[in-house]
C-alpha atoms as a PDB file:
ATOM      1  CA  MET A   1     -16.534 -18.977   2.257  1.00  0.00           C
ATOM      2  CA  SER A   2     -14.505 -20.966   4.675  1.00  0.00           C
ATOM      3  CA  ARG A   3     -13.144 -20.107   8.055  1.00  0.00           C
ATOM      4  CA  ASN A   4      -9.399 -20.418   7.804  1.00  0.00           C
ATOM      5  CA  ARG A   5      -7.106 -21.119  10.731  1.00  0.00           C
ATOM      6  CA  PRO A   6      -5.286 -18.109  12.234  1.00  0.00           C
ATOM      7  CA  THR A   7      -1.930 -18.768  10.574  1.00  0.00           C
ATOM      8  CA  GLY A   8       0.384 -16.990   8.184  1.00  0.00           C
ATOM      9  CA  THR A   9       0.448 -13.243   7.995  1.00  0.00           C
ATOM     10  CA  PRO A  10      -0.796 -10.866  10.712  1.00  0.00           C
ATOM     11  CA  ALA A  11      -3.846 -10.188   8.494  1.00  0.00           C
ATOM     12  CA  LEU A  12      -4.762 -13.872   8.371  1.00  0.00           C
ATOM     13  CA  ARG A  13      -4.155 -14.264  12.102  1.00  0.00           C
ATOM     14  CA  ALA A  14      -6.454 -11.284  12.770  1.00  0.00           C
ATOM     15  CA  LEU A  15      -9.191 -12.825  10.621  1.00  0.00           C
ATOM     16  CA  GLY A  16      -8.827 -16.178  12.332  1.00  0.00           C
ATOM     17  CA  ALA A  17      -8.832 -14.678  15.813  1.00  0.00           C
ATOM     18  CA  ALA A  18     -11.995 -12.728  14.991  1.00  0.00           C
ATOM     19  CA  GLU A  19     -13.555 -15.877  13.491  1.00  0.00           C
ATOM     20  CA  VAL A  20     -14.519 -13.983  10.354  1.00  0.00           C
ATOM     21  CA  ALA A  21     -15.532 -16.001   7.302  1.00  0.00           C
ATOM     22  CA  HIS A  22     -12.966 -15.471   4.560  1.00  0.00           C
ATOM     23  CA  THR A  23     -11.253 -17.215   1.676  1.00  0.00           C
ATOM     24  CA  VAL A  24      -7.529 -17.008   1.002  1.00  0.00           C
ATOM     25  CA  ARG A  25      -6.897 -16.480  -2.722  1.00  0.00           C
ATOM     26  CA  GLU A  26      -3.316 -17.127  -3.826  1.00  0.00           C
ATOM     27  CA  TYR A  27      -1.746 -16.410  -7.196  1.00  0.00           C
ATOM     28  CA  ALA A  28       1.749 -16.473  -8.654  1.00  0.00           C
ATOM     29  CA  HIS A  29       3.066 -12.926  -8.251  1.00  0.00           C
ATOM     30  CA  ASP A  30       5.274 -11.974 -11.190  1.00  0.00           C
ATOM     31  CA  PRO A  31       7.839  -9.333 -10.173  1.00  0.00           C
ATOM     32  CA  ARG A  32       8.299  -8.513 -13.887  1.00  0.00           C
ATOM     33  CA  SER A  33       4.609  -7.754 -14.423  1.00  0.00           C
ATOM     34  CA  GLU A  34       3.886  -4.328 -15.861  1.00  0.00           C
ATOM     35  CA  LEU A  35       0.522  -4.315 -14.090  1.00  0.00           C
ATOM     36  CA  SER A  36       0.110  -2.712 -10.682  1.00  0.00           C
ATOM     37  CA  TYR A  37       0.039  -5.198  -7.796  1.00  0.00           C
ATOM     38  CA  GLY A  38      -3.748  -4.924  -7.522  1.00  0.00           C
ATOM     39  CA  LEU A  39      -4.483  -5.250 -11.235  1.00  0.00           C
ATOM     40  CA  GLU A  40      -2.089  -8.195 -11.369  1.00  0.00           C
ATOM     41  CA  ALA A  41      -4.104  -9.854  -8.582  1.00  0.00           C
ATOM     42  CA  ALA A  42      -7.445  -9.160 -10.282  1.00  0.00           C
ATOM     43  CA  HIS A  43      -6.189 -10.545 -13.582  1.00  0.00           C
ATOM     44  CA  ALA A  44      -4.527 -13.624 -12.052  1.00  0.00           C
ATOM     45  CA  LEU A  45      -7.573 -14.455  -9.915  1.00  0.00           C
ATOM     46  CA  GLY A  46     -10.122 -13.704 -12.645  1.00  0.00           C
ATOM     47  CA  VAL A  47     -11.939 -11.165 -10.470  1.00  0.00           C
ATOM     48  CA  ASP A  48     -13.568  -7.878 -11.477  1.00  0.00           C
ATOM     49  CA  PRO A  49     -11.004  -5.156 -10.584  1.00  0.00           C
ATOM     50  CA  ALA A  50     -13.802  -3.169  -8.899  1.00  0.00           C
ATOM     51  CA  ARG A  51     -13.917  -5.912  -6.208  1.00  0.00           C
ATOM     52  CA  VAL A  52     -10.157  -5.980  -5.627  1.00  0.00           C
ATOM     53  CA  LEU A  53      -9.104  -3.224  -3.235  1.00  0.00           C
ATOM     54  CA  LYS A  54      -5.659  -1.717  -2.814  1.00  0.00           C
ATOM     55  CA  THR A  55      -4.428  -0.447   0.520  1.00  0.00           C
ATOM     56  CA  LEU A  56      -2.643   2.894   0.377  1.00  0.00           C
ATOM     57  CA  VAL A  57      -1.070   4.862   3.194  1.00  0.00           C
ATOM     58  CA  ALA A  58      -1.267   8.645   3.060  1.00  0.00           C
ATOM     59  CA  ASP A  59      -0.069  11.465   5.267  1.00  0.00           C
ATOM     60  CA  VAL A  60      -2.967  13.737   6.156  1.00  0.00           C
ATOM     61  CA  ASP A  61      -1.837  16.881   7.957  1.00  0.00           C
ATOM     62  CA  GLY A  62       1.080  15.014   9.530  1.00  0.00           C
ATOM     63  CA  ARG A  63      -0.677  11.777  10.519  1.00  0.00           C
ATOM     64  CA  LEU A  64      -0.800   8.484   8.669  1.00  0.00           C
ATOM     65  CA  VAL A  65      -4.174   7.333   7.323  1.00  0.00           C
ATOM     66  CA  VAL A  66      -5.053   4.189   5.382  1.00  0.00           C
ATOM     67  CA  ALA A  67      -7.197   4.419   2.244  1.00  0.00           C
ATOM     68  CA  VAL A  68      -8.717   1.282   0.710  1.00  0.00           C
ATOM     69  CA  VAL A  69      -9.855   1.802  -2.883  1.00  0.00           C
ATOM     70  CA  PRO A  70     -10.614  -0.324  -5.948  1.00  0.00           C
ATOM     71  CA  VAL A  71      -7.552  -1.227  -8.019  1.00  0.00           C
ATOM     72  CA  SER A  72      -9.498  -0.137 -11.097  1.00  0.00           C
ATOM     73  CA  GLY A  73      -9.077   3.531 -10.172  1.00  0.00           C
ATOM     74  CA  GLU A  74      -6.958   6.027  -8.280  1.00  0.00           C
ATOM     75  CA  LEU A  75      -7.115   7.533  -4.819  1.00  0.00           C
ATOM     76  CA  ASP A  76      -8.503  11.067  -4.656  1.00  0.00           C
ATOM     77  CA  LEU A  77      -6.243  12.603  -2.008  1.00  0.00           C
ATOM     78  CA  LYS A  78      -8.536  15.625  -1.503  1.00  0.00           C
ATOM     79  CA  ALA A  79     -11.470  13.292  -0.812  1.00  0.00           C
ATOM     80  CA  LEU A  80      -9.368  11.320   1.689  1.00  0.00           C
ATOM     81  CA  ALA A  81      -8.337  14.477   3.531  1.00  0.00           C
ATOM     82  CA  ALA A  82     -11.962  15.617   3.702  1.00  0.00           C
ATOM     83  CA  ALA A  83     -13.093  12.163   4.917  1.00  0.00           C
ATOM     84  CA  VAL A  84     -10.832  12.377   7.974  1.00  0.00           C
ATOM     85  CA  GLY A  85     -11.369  16.078   8.655  1.00  0.00           C
ATOM     86  CA  GLY A  86      -7.998  17.092   7.259  1.00  0.00           C
ATOM     87  CA  LYS A  87      -6.851  19.805   4.894  1.00  0.00           C
ATOM     88  CA  ARG A  88      -4.061  18.218   2.858  1.00  0.00           C
ATOM     89  CA  ALA A  89      -3.138  14.646   1.983  1.00  0.00           C
ATOM     90  CA  VAL A  90      -0.068  13.312   0.220  1.00  0.00           C
ATOM     91  CA  MET A  91       1.071   9.750  -0.282  1.00  0.00           C
ATOM     92  CA  ALA A  92       3.118   8.594   2.695  1.00  0.00           C
ATOM     93  CA  ASP A  93       6.797   7.875   2.395  1.00  0.00           C
ATOM     94  CA  LYS A  94       7.266   4.196   1.481  1.00  0.00           C
ATOM     95  CA  ALA A  95       9.494   3.504   4.510  1.00  0.00           C
ATOM     96  CA  ALA A  96       7.016   5.194   6.883  1.00  0.00           C
ATOM     97  CA  ALA A  97       4.131   3.166   5.425  1.00  0.00           C
ATOM     98  CA  GLU A  98       6.054  -0.091   5.793  1.00  0.00           C
ATOM     99  CA  ARG A  99       7.185   0.765   9.333  1.00  0.00           C
ATOM    100  CA  ALA A 100       3.671   1.683  10.501  1.00  0.00           C
ATOM    101  CA  THR A 101       1.878  -1.250   8.890  1.00  0.00           C
ATOM    102  CA  GLY A 102       4.506  -3.975   9.246  1.00  0.00           C
ATOM    103  CA  TYR A 103       3.999  -4.910   5.586  1.00  0.00           C
ATOM    104  CA  VAL A 104       5.953  -4.241   2.390  1.00  0.00           C
ATOM    105  CA  VAL A 105       4.526  -2.060  -0.365  1.00  0.00           C
ATOM    106  CA  GLY A 106       2.555  -4.255  -2.738  1.00  0.00           C
ATOM    107  CA  GLY A 107       1.510  -6.445   0.166  1.00  0.00           C
ATOM    108  CA  ILE A 108       0.106  -3.903   2.619  1.00  0.00           C
ATOM    109  CA  SER A 109      -3.110  -5.197   4.131  1.00  0.00           C
ATOM    110  CA  PRO A 110      -5.673  -3.077   5.954  1.00  0.00           C
ATOM    111  CA  LEU A 111      -5.905  -5.973   8.441  1.00  0.00           C
ATOM    112  CA  GLY A 112      -3.441  -6.822  11.203  1.00  0.00           C
ATOM    113  CA  GLN A 113      -1.307  -3.725  10.873  1.00  0.00           C
ATOM    114  CA  ARG A 114       1.482  -3.066  13.376  1.00  0.00           C
ATOM    115  CA  GLN A 115      -0.006   0.326  14.338  1.00  0.00           C
ATOM    116  CA  ARG A 116      -3.743   0.945  14.439  1.00  0.00           C
ATOM    117  CA  LEU A 117      -4.139   3.694  11.845  1.00  0.00           C
ATOM    118  CA  PRO A 118      -7.405   5.379  10.836  1.00  0.00           C
ATOM    119  CA  VAL A 119      -8.893   3.520   7.853  1.00  0.00           C
ATOM    120  CA  VAL A 120     -11.275   4.827   5.200  1.00  0.00           C
ATOM    121  CA  VAL A 121     -12.752   2.368   2.707  1.00  0.00           C
ATOM    122  CA  ASP A 122     -14.154   3.559  -0.608  1.00  0.00           C
ATOM    123  CA  SER A 123     -17.939   3.377  -0.356  1.00  0.00           C
ATOM    124  CA  THR A 124     -18.195   1.416  -3.623  1.00  0.00           C
ATOM    125  CA  ALA A 125     -16.899  -1.624  -1.703  1.00  0.00           C
ATOM    126  CA  LEU A 126     -20.387  -1.876  -0.207  1.00  0.00           C
ATOM    127  CA  ASP A 127     -21.792  -2.564  -3.697  1.00  0.00           C
ATOM    128  CA  HIS A 128     -20.325  -6.094  -3.607  1.00  0.00           C
ATOM    129  CA  ALA A 129     -21.126  -9.216  -1.573  1.00  0.00           C
ATOM    130  CA  THR A 130     -17.391  -9.801  -1.128  1.00  0.00           C
ATOM    131  CA  VAL A 131     -14.198  -7.869  -1.799  1.00  0.00           C
ATOM    132  CA  LEU A 132     -10.558  -8.864  -1.930  1.00  0.00           C
ATOM    133  CA  VAL A 133      -7.716  -7.158  -0.073  1.00  0.00           C
ATOM    134  CA  SER A 134      -4.089  -8.074   0.371  1.00  0.00           C
ATOM    135  CA  ALA A 135      -3.523 -10.760   2.972  1.00  0.00           C
ATOM    136  CA  GLY A 136      -0.204  -9.135   3.831  1.00  0.00           C
ATOM    137  CA  ARG A 137       2.046 -10.713   1.239  1.00  0.00           C
ATOM    138  CA  ARG A 138       2.406 -10.232  -2.505  1.00  0.00           C
ATOM    139  CA  GLY A 139       0.578 -13.068  -4.243  1.00  0.00           C
ATOM    140  CA  VAL A 140      -1.950 -13.625  -1.463  1.00  0.00           C
ATOM    141  CA  ASP A 141      -5.318 -11.893  -1.186  1.00  0.00           C
ATOM    142  CA  VAL A 142      -8.185 -12.546   1.166  1.00  0.00           C
ATOM    143  CA  GLU A 143     -11.850 -12.422   0.166  1.00  0.00           C
ATOM    144  CA  LEU A 144     -14.357 -11.277   2.769  1.00  0.00           C
ATOM    145  CA  ALA A 145     -17.597  -9.365   3.181  1.00  0.00           C
ATOM    146  CA  PRO A 146     -17.175  -5.564   3.116  1.00  0.00           C
ATOM    147  CA  ALA A 147     -19.021  -5.286   6.443  1.00  0.00           C
ATOM    148  CA  ASP A 148     -16.420  -7.562   8.046  1.00  0.00           C
ATOM    149  CA  LEU A 149     -13.602  -5.470   6.571  1.00  0.00           C
ATOM    150  CA  LEU A 150     -15.150  -2.339   8.074  1.00  0.00           C
ATOM    151  CA  ALA A 151     -15.708  -3.962  11.457  1.00  0.00           C
ATOM    152  CA  LEU A 152     -12.202  -5.411  11.757  1.00  0.00           C
ATOM    153  CA  THR A 153     -10.446  -2.195  10.764  1.00  0.00           C
ATOM    154  CA  GLY A 154     -12.811   0.235  12.471  1.00  0.00           C
ATOM    155  CA  ALA A 155     -13.079   1.919   9.079  1.00  0.00           C
ATOM    156  CA  SER A 156     -15.357   4.648   7.924  1.00  0.00           C
ATOM    157  CA  THR A 157     -16.536   4.877   4.326  1.00  0.00           C
ATOM    158  CA  ALA A 158     -16.386   7.695   1.796  1.00  0.00           C
ATOM    159  CA  ARG A 159     -16.140   8.060  -1.945  1.00  0.00           C
ATOM    160  CA  LEU A 160     -12.341   8.051  -2.317  1.00  0.00           C
ATOM    161  CA  GLY A 161     -11.684   6.601  -5.732  1.00  0.00           C
ATOM    162  CA  ARG A 162     -11.733   8.143  -9.137  1.00  0.00           C
ATOM    163  CA  PRO A 163     -11.557   6.285 -12.447  1.00  0.00           C
END
């Protein structure tokens, strides 16, 4: 993997500033695609969907929390709430998620967010040498080691996904 210059999105600037090895993976986003953003990325990049992670923002007992899970499954909201010591989790309002992260839905990255939110990464990410997350814009992902993702986001891990 190469070290890319800190340019572009806040996520890419954060990676560059931290001098973390990563690879930018671009693809032609099709707004008419019937696939979810993450599955579209996996398909377009020819990557196993278990290695492509989606970034979701949830409201856990009144506070925003970021969940990072494989695009091949769904987020288990009860597991997320338990992972952060909460009782109840619901998906965050789209506008609140965009305001807090500084990104638009479909391009939310766990890296370089406007507000530092608690992050929980699905533990299956650790099964791979590298994973892909949004680089902060639809059609652009970034590939990096899971350990670097955890370090840069201050994330904890838990089993959050379900098939």
